[in-house]
Amino acid sequence: MGEILVQRDETNHIVGFVARGLSPDTLPGIGVFQLLRAGSAALTDYLHVQAESSLSEEMDLVVDRSDPHLARELDAVLETLAIGFRLLERDCPDDLVVHDAAVGVEVL
């Protein structure tokens, strides 16, 4: 079974995605690959935001959210990706699970 981690910061904004355990020749694997490609292209080509991505066996996308003027645009692109992953999860429940994960959160 494949899994996607939707990485969120302490303010609940998405900062990245990690996908693992997906076969590139299955519907979920192809869908996740294409969504990550589209998201990465939108971020870099349209918004001119630095986004690091790896589209190999373990796929990931990490976004630079340092420009506060782009917060709404970044949220729109990244939340759209998360919705796309959840739709794939709904359509392929035996092959894909999507989790939210907090990153960079300190517990005192």
N, C-alpha and C. Protein backbone atom coordinates (compact mmCIF):
# COMPACT_ATOMS: atom_id res chain seq x y z
N MET A 1 0.84 -1.18 0.00
CA MET A 1 0.00 0.00 0.00
C MET A 1 0.88 1.24 0.00
N GLY A 2 0.52 2.20 -0.82
CA GLY A 2 1.24 3.46 -0.87
C GLY A 2 0.74 4.43 0.17
N GLU A 3 1.57 5.39 0.48
CA GLU A 3 1.21 6.37 1.51
C GLU A 3 1.72 7.74 1.10
N ILE A 4 0.93 8.76 1.43
CA ILE A 4 1.33 10.15 1.22
C ILE A 4 1.26 10.86 2.56
N LEU A 5 2.34 11.54 2.90
CA LEU A 5 2.37 12.40 4.09
C LEU A 5 2.23 13.83 3.62
N VAL A 6 1.20 14.50 4.09
CA VAL A 6 1.00 15.92 3.83
C VAL A 6 1.66 16.63 5.00
N GLN A 7 2.78 17.28 4.74
CA GLN A 7 3.56 17.91 5.81
C GLN A 7 3.05 19.33 6.04
N ARG A 8 2.69 19.61 7.31
CA ARG A 8 2.15 20.92 7.68
C ARG A 8 3.02 21.54 8.77
N ASP A 9 3.12 22.87 8.73
CA ASP A 9 3.88 23.57 9.75
C ASP A 9 3.00 23.86 10.96
N GLU A 10 3.54 24.60 11.92
CA GLU A 10 2.81 24.88 13.16
C GLU A 10 1.56 25.74 12.96
N THR A 11 1.45 26.40 11.81
CA THR A 11 0.25 27.19 11.52
C THR A 11 -0.71 26.45 10.58
N ASN A 12 -0.46 25.17 10.38
CA ASN A 12 -1.28 24.27 9.57
C ASN A 12 -1.18 24.52 8.07
N HIS A 13 -0.17 25.26 7.63
CA HIS A 13 0.06 25.46 6.21
C HIS A 13 0.89 24.28 5.67
N ILE A 14 0.56 23.82 4.48
CA ILE A 14 1.31 22.73 3.87
C ILE A 14 2.68 23.25 3.45
N VAL A 15 3.72 22.50 3.82
CA VAL A 15 5.09 22.85 3.43
C VAL A 15 5.71 21.79 2.53
N GLY A 16 5.04 20.65 2.38
CA GLY A 16 5.58 19.62 1.50
C GLY A 16 4.76 18.36 1.53
N PHE A 17 5.18 17.43 0.67
CA PHE A 17 4.54 16.13 0.56
C PHE A 17 5.62 15.07 0.44
N VAL A 18 5.36 13.90 0.98
CA VAL A 18 6.23 12.74 0.78
C VAL A 18 5.32 11.59 0.38
N ALA A 19 5.66 10.93 -0.72
CA ALA A 19 4.90 9.77 -1.19
C ALA A 19 5.84 8.59 -1.26
N ARG A 20 5.41 7.46 -0.72
CA ARG A 20 6.26 6.27 -0.76
C ARG A 20 5.40 5.02 -0.88
N GLY A 21 6.05 3.97 -1.38
CA GLY A 21 5.38 2.69 -1.51
C GLY A 21 4.41 2.61 -2.68
N LEU A 22 4.56 3.51 -3.66
CA LEU A 22 3.66 3.53 -4.81
C LEU A 22 4.37 2.95 -6.03
N SER A 23 3.70 2.09 -6.73
CA SER A 23 4.23 1.53 -7.96
C SER A 23 3.92 2.48 -9.12
N PRO A 24 4.90 2.76 -9.96
CA PRO A 24 4.67 3.70 -11.06
C PRO A 24 3.75 3.18 -12.16
N ASP A 25 3.35 1.92 -12.07
CA ASP A 25 2.47 1.37 -13.10
C ASP A 25 1.05 1.11 -12.59
N THR A 26 0.68 1.75 -11.48
CA THR A 26 -0.68 1.64 -10.96
C THR A 26 -1.36 3.00 -11.04
N LEU A 27 -2.67 2.99 -11.00
CA LEU A 27 -3.42 4.25 -11.05
C LEU A 27 -2.99 5.22 -9.94
N PRO A 28 -2.91 4.77 -8.68
CA PRO A 28 -2.48 5.72 -7.65
C PRO A 28 -1.05 6.23 -7.88
N GLY A 29 -0.15 5.36 -8.30
CA GLY A 29 1.23 5.77 -8.54
C GLY A 29 1.33 6.80 -9.65
N ILE A 30 0.64 6.54 -10.74
CA ILE A 30 0.64 7.48 -11.87
C ILE A 30 -0.02 8.79 -11.46
N GLY A 31 -1.14 8.71 -10.76
CA GLY A 31 -1.85 9.91 -10.33
C GLY A 31 -1.01 10.79 -9.41
N VAL A 32 -0.38 10.18 -8.43
CA VAL A 32 0.46 10.94 -7.49
C VAL A 32 1.63 11.56 -8.23
N PHE A 33 2.28 10.79 -9.10
CA PHE A 33 3.41 11.31 -9.88
C PHE A 33 2.99 12.54 -10.69
N GLN A 34 1.87 12.44 -11.38
CA GLN A 34 1.42 13.55 -12.22
C GLN A 34 0.98 14.76 -11.39
N LEU A 35 0.32 14.53 -10.27
CA LEU A 35 -0.07 15.65 -9.41
C LEU A 35 1.17 16.37 -8.87
N LEU A 36 2.17 15.61 -8.42
CA LEU A 36 3.38 16.23 -7.92
C LEU A 36 4.13 16.99 -9.02
N ARG A 37 4.16 16.43 -10.23
CA ARG A 37 4.78 17.13 -11.36
C ARG A 37 4.06 18.45 -11.64
N ALA A 38 2.73 18.39 -11.68
CA ALA A 38 1.94 19.59 -11.96
C ALA A 38 2.12 20.64 -10.87
N GLY A 39 2.10 20.20 -9.62
CA GLY A 39 2.29 21.13 -8.51
C GLY A 39 3.66 21.78 -8.54
N SER A 40 4.68 20.99 -8.79
CA SER A 40 6.03 21.51 -8.85
C SER A 40 6.17 22.52 -9.98
N ALA A 41 5.59 22.22 -11.14
CA ALA A 41 5.65 23.14 -12.27
C ALA A 41 4.89 24.43 -11.98
N ALA A 42 3.72 24.33 -11.36
CA ALA A 42 2.95 25.53 -11.02
C ALA A 42 3.73 26.42 -10.06
N LEU A 43 4.35 25.80 -9.07
CA LEU A 43 5.10 26.58 -8.09
C LEU A 43 6.31 27.26 -8.71
N THR A 44 7.07 26.54 -9.51
CA THR A 44 8.31 27.10 -10.05
C THR A 44 8.07 27.97 -11.28
N ASP A 45 7.24 27.52 -12.20
CA ASP A 45 7.05 28.25 -13.45
C ASP A 45 6.08 29.41 -13.33
N TYR A 46 5.03 29.24 -12.56
CA TYR A 46 4.00 30.27 -12.46
C TYR A 46 4.24 31.23 -11.30
N LEU A 47 4.50 30.67 -10.11
CA LEU A 47 4.70 31.51 -8.92
C LEU A 47 6.16 31.89 -8.69
N HIS A 48 7.07 31.24 -9.41
CA HIS A 48 8.51 31.48 -9.26
C HIS A 48 8.98 31.28 -7.82
N VAL A 49 8.48 30.20 -7.22
CA VAL A 49 8.83 29.82 -5.85
C VAL A 49 9.77 28.63 -5.92
N GLN A 50 10.76 28.62 -5.05
CA GLN A 50 11.66 27.47 -5.01
C GLN A 50 10.90 26.28 -4.44
N ALA A 51 10.95 25.20 -5.19
CA ALA A 51 10.35 23.95 -4.75
C ALA A 51 11.31 22.83 -5.10
N GLU A 52 11.70 22.08 -4.09
CA GLU A 52 12.58 20.94 -4.32
C GLU A 52 11.70 19.71 -4.48
N SER A 53 11.97 18.95 -5.53
CA SER A 53 11.17 17.75 -5.72
C SER A 53 12.06 16.60 -6.16
N SER A 54 11.61 15.42 -5.80
CA SER A 54 12.24 14.19 -6.21
C SER A 54 11.12 13.29 -6.70
N LEU A 55 11.18 12.93 -7.95
CA LEU A 55 10.12 12.11 -8.51
C LEU A 55 10.68 10.75 -8.88
N SER A 56 11.24 10.08 -7.87
CA SER A 56 11.79 8.75 -8.07
C SER A 56 10.97 7.75 -7.26
N GLU A 57 11.60 6.74 -6.70
CA GLU A 57 10.87 5.71 -5.94
C GLU A 57 10.13 6.33 -4.75
N GLU A 58 10.81 7.18 -3.98
CA GLU A 58 10.14 7.95 -2.93
C GLU A 58 10.01 9.36 -3.47
N MET A 59 8.78 9.79 -3.72
CA MET A 59 8.54 11.10 -4.32
C MET A 59 8.32 12.11 -3.20
N ASP A 60 8.85 13.31 -3.41
CA ASP A 60 8.58 14.36 -2.44
C ASP A 60 8.57 15.71 -3.12
N LEU A 61 7.99 16.66 -2.42
CA LEU A 61 7.94 18.05 -2.86
C LEU A 61 8.02 18.90 -1.60
N VAL A 62 9.02 19.77 -1.54
CA VAL A 62 9.21 20.66 -0.40
C VAL A 62 9.20 22.09 -0.92
N VAL A 63 8.42 22.96 -0.28
CA VAL A 63 8.18 24.30 -0.78
C VAL A 63 8.80 25.35 0.14
N ASP A 64 9.39 26.37 -0.47
CA ASP A 64 9.91 27.52 0.26
C ASP A 64 8.75 28.48 0.51
N ARG A 65 8.32 28.60 1.75
CA ARG A 65 7.19 29.47 2.10
C ARG A 65 7.66 30.77 2.74
N SER A 66 8.85 31.21 2.44
CA SER A 66 9.41 32.38 3.12
C SER A 66 8.81 33.71 2.65
N ASP A 67 8.16 33.77 1.51
CA ASP A 67 7.57 35.02 1.03
C ASP A 67 6.12 35.11 1.50
N PRO A 68 5.84 35.94 2.50
CA PRO A 68 4.47 36.02 3.04
C PRO A 68 3.47 36.58 2.04
N HIS A 69 3.94 37.28 1.01
CA HIS A 69 3.03 37.85 0.01
C HIS A 69 2.41 36.78 -0.89
N LEU A 70 3.00 35.59 -0.89
CA LEU A 70 2.49 34.50 -1.73
C LEU A 70 1.70 33.46 -0.94
N ALA A 71 1.39 33.74 0.31
CA ALA A 71 0.75 32.75 1.18
C ALA A 71 -0.55 32.21 0.58
N ARG A 72 -1.41 33.07 0.09
CA ARG A 72 -2.70 32.62 -0.46
C ARG A 72 -2.51 31.77 -1.70
N GLU A 73 -1.61 32.21 -2.58
CA GLU A 73 -1.36 31.46 -3.81
C GLU A 73 -0.75 30.09 -3.51
N LEU A 74 0.20 30.07 -2.57
CA LEU A 74 0.81 28.79 -2.18
C LEU A 74 -0.23 27.87 -1.57
N ASP A 75 -1.07 28.42 -0.68
CA ASP A 75 -2.12 27.61 -0.08
C ASP A 75 -3.05 27.04 -1.15
N ALA A 76 -3.39 27.84 -2.15
CA ALA A 76 -4.29 27.37 -3.21
C ALA A 76 -3.69 26.19 -3.97
N VAL A 77 -2.44 26.31 -4.36
CA VAL A 77 -1.79 25.22 -5.11
C VAL A 77 -1.62 23.99 -4.23
N LEU A 78 -1.10 24.17 -3.02
CA LEU A 78 -0.79 23.03 -2.17
C LEU A 78 -2.03 22.33 -1.63
N GLU A 79 -3.05 23.09 -1.27
CA GLU A 79 -4.30 22.46 -0.81
C GLU A 79 -5.00 21.75 -1.95
N THR A 80 -4.88 22.26 -3.18
CA THR A 80 -5.43 21.58 -4.34
C THR A 80 -4.75 20.23 -4.53
N LEU A 81 -3.43 20.18 -4.37
CA LEU A 81 -2.71 18.91 -4.44
C LEU A 81 -3.21 17.95 -3.37
N ALA A 82 -3.34 18.44 -2.14
CA ALA A 82 -3.81 17.59 -1.04
C ALA A 82 -5.21 17.03 -1.33
N ILE A 83 -6.08 17.86 -1.89
CA ILE A 83 -7.42 17.40 -2.26
C ILE A 83 -7.33 16.33 -3.34
N GLY A 84 -6.46 16.54 -4.32
CA GLY A 84 -6.26 15.53 -5.36
C GLY A 84 -5.80 14.20 -4.80
N PHE A 85 -4.87 14.25 -3.83
CA PHE A 85 -4.40 13.01 -3.20
C PHE A 85 -5.53 12.33 -2.43
N ARG A 86 -6.35 13.11 -1.76
CA ARG A 86 -7.46 12.52 -1.00
C ARG A 86 -8.52 11.92 -1.93
N LEU A 87 -8.71 12.52 -3.10
CA LEU A 87 -9.63 11.94 -4.08
C LEU A 87 -9.09 10.61 -4.60
N LEU A 88 -7.78 10.54 -4.86
CA LEU A 88 -7.16 9.28 -5.25
C LEU A 88 -7.32 8.24 -4.15
N GLU A 89 -7.13 8.66 -2.91
CA GLU A 89 -7.28 7.75 -1.77
C GLU A 89 -8.71 7.21 -1.72
N ARG A 90 -9.68 8.07 -1.94
CA ARG A 90 -11.08 7.64 -1.91
C ARG A 90 -11.37 6.64 -3.04
N ASP A 91 -10.79 6.88 -4.21
CA ASP A 91 -11.03 6.00 -5.35
C ASP A 91 -10.23 4.70 -5.29
N CYS A 92 -9.13 4.70 -4.56
CA CYS A 92 -8.25 3.52 -4.47
C CYS A 92 -7.94 3.20 -3.02
N PRO A 93 -8.95 2.91 -2.19
CA PRO A 93 -8.72 2.74 -0.75
C PRO A 93 -7.82 1.57 -0.38
N ASP A 94 -7.70 0.58 -1.25
CA ASP A 94 -6.83 -0.55 -0.95
C ASP A 94 -5.38 -0.30 -1.33
N ASP A 95 -5.13 0.80 -2.07
CA ASP A 95 -3.80 1.06 -2.61
C ASP A 95 -3.13 2.31 -2.07
N LEU A 96 -3.89 3.20 -1.42
CA LEU A 96 -3.33 4.49 -1.03
C LEU A 96 -3.96 5.00 0.26
N VAL A 97 -3.11 5.55 1.13
CA VAL A 97 -3.58 6.22 2.34
C VAL A 97 -2.87 7.57 2.44
N VAL A 98 -3.60 8.59 2.86
CA VAL A 98 -3.06 9.95 2.98
C VAL A 98 -3.14 10.36 4.45
N HIS A 99 -1.99 10.85 4.98
CA HIS A 99 -1.92 11.30 6.37
C HIS A 99 -1.42 12.73 6.42
N ASP A 100 -1.87 13.49 7.40
CA ASP A 100 -1.27 14.78 7.70
C ASP A 100 -0.19 14.56 8.75
N ALA A 101 0.92 15.28 8.61
CA ALA A 101 2.03 15.16 9.57
C ALA A 101 2.55 16.55 9.88
N ALA A 102 2.69 16.85 11.16
CA ALA A 102 3.27 18.12 11.58
C ALA A 102 4.78 18.05 11.48
N VAL A 103 5.40 19.09 10.93
CA VAL A 103 6.85 19.15 10.84
C VAL A 103 7.33 20.43 11.51
N GLY A 104 8.46 20.33 12.16
CA GLY A 104 9.05 21.52 12.77
C GLY A 104 8.27 22.07 13.94
N VAL A 105 7.46 21.27 14.58
CA VAL A 105 6.66 21.71 15.72
C VAL A 105 7.37 21.27 16.99
N GLU A 106 7.66 22.24 17.85
CA GLU A 106 8.31 21.94 19.11
C GLU A 106 7.26 21.79 20.21
N VAL A 107 7.40 20.74 20.98
CA VAL A 107 6.53 20.53 22.13
C VAL A 107 7.38 20.80 23.37
N LEU A 108 6.93 21.73 24.19
CA LEU A 108 7.71 22.10 25.39
C LEU A 108 7.22 21.34 26.59
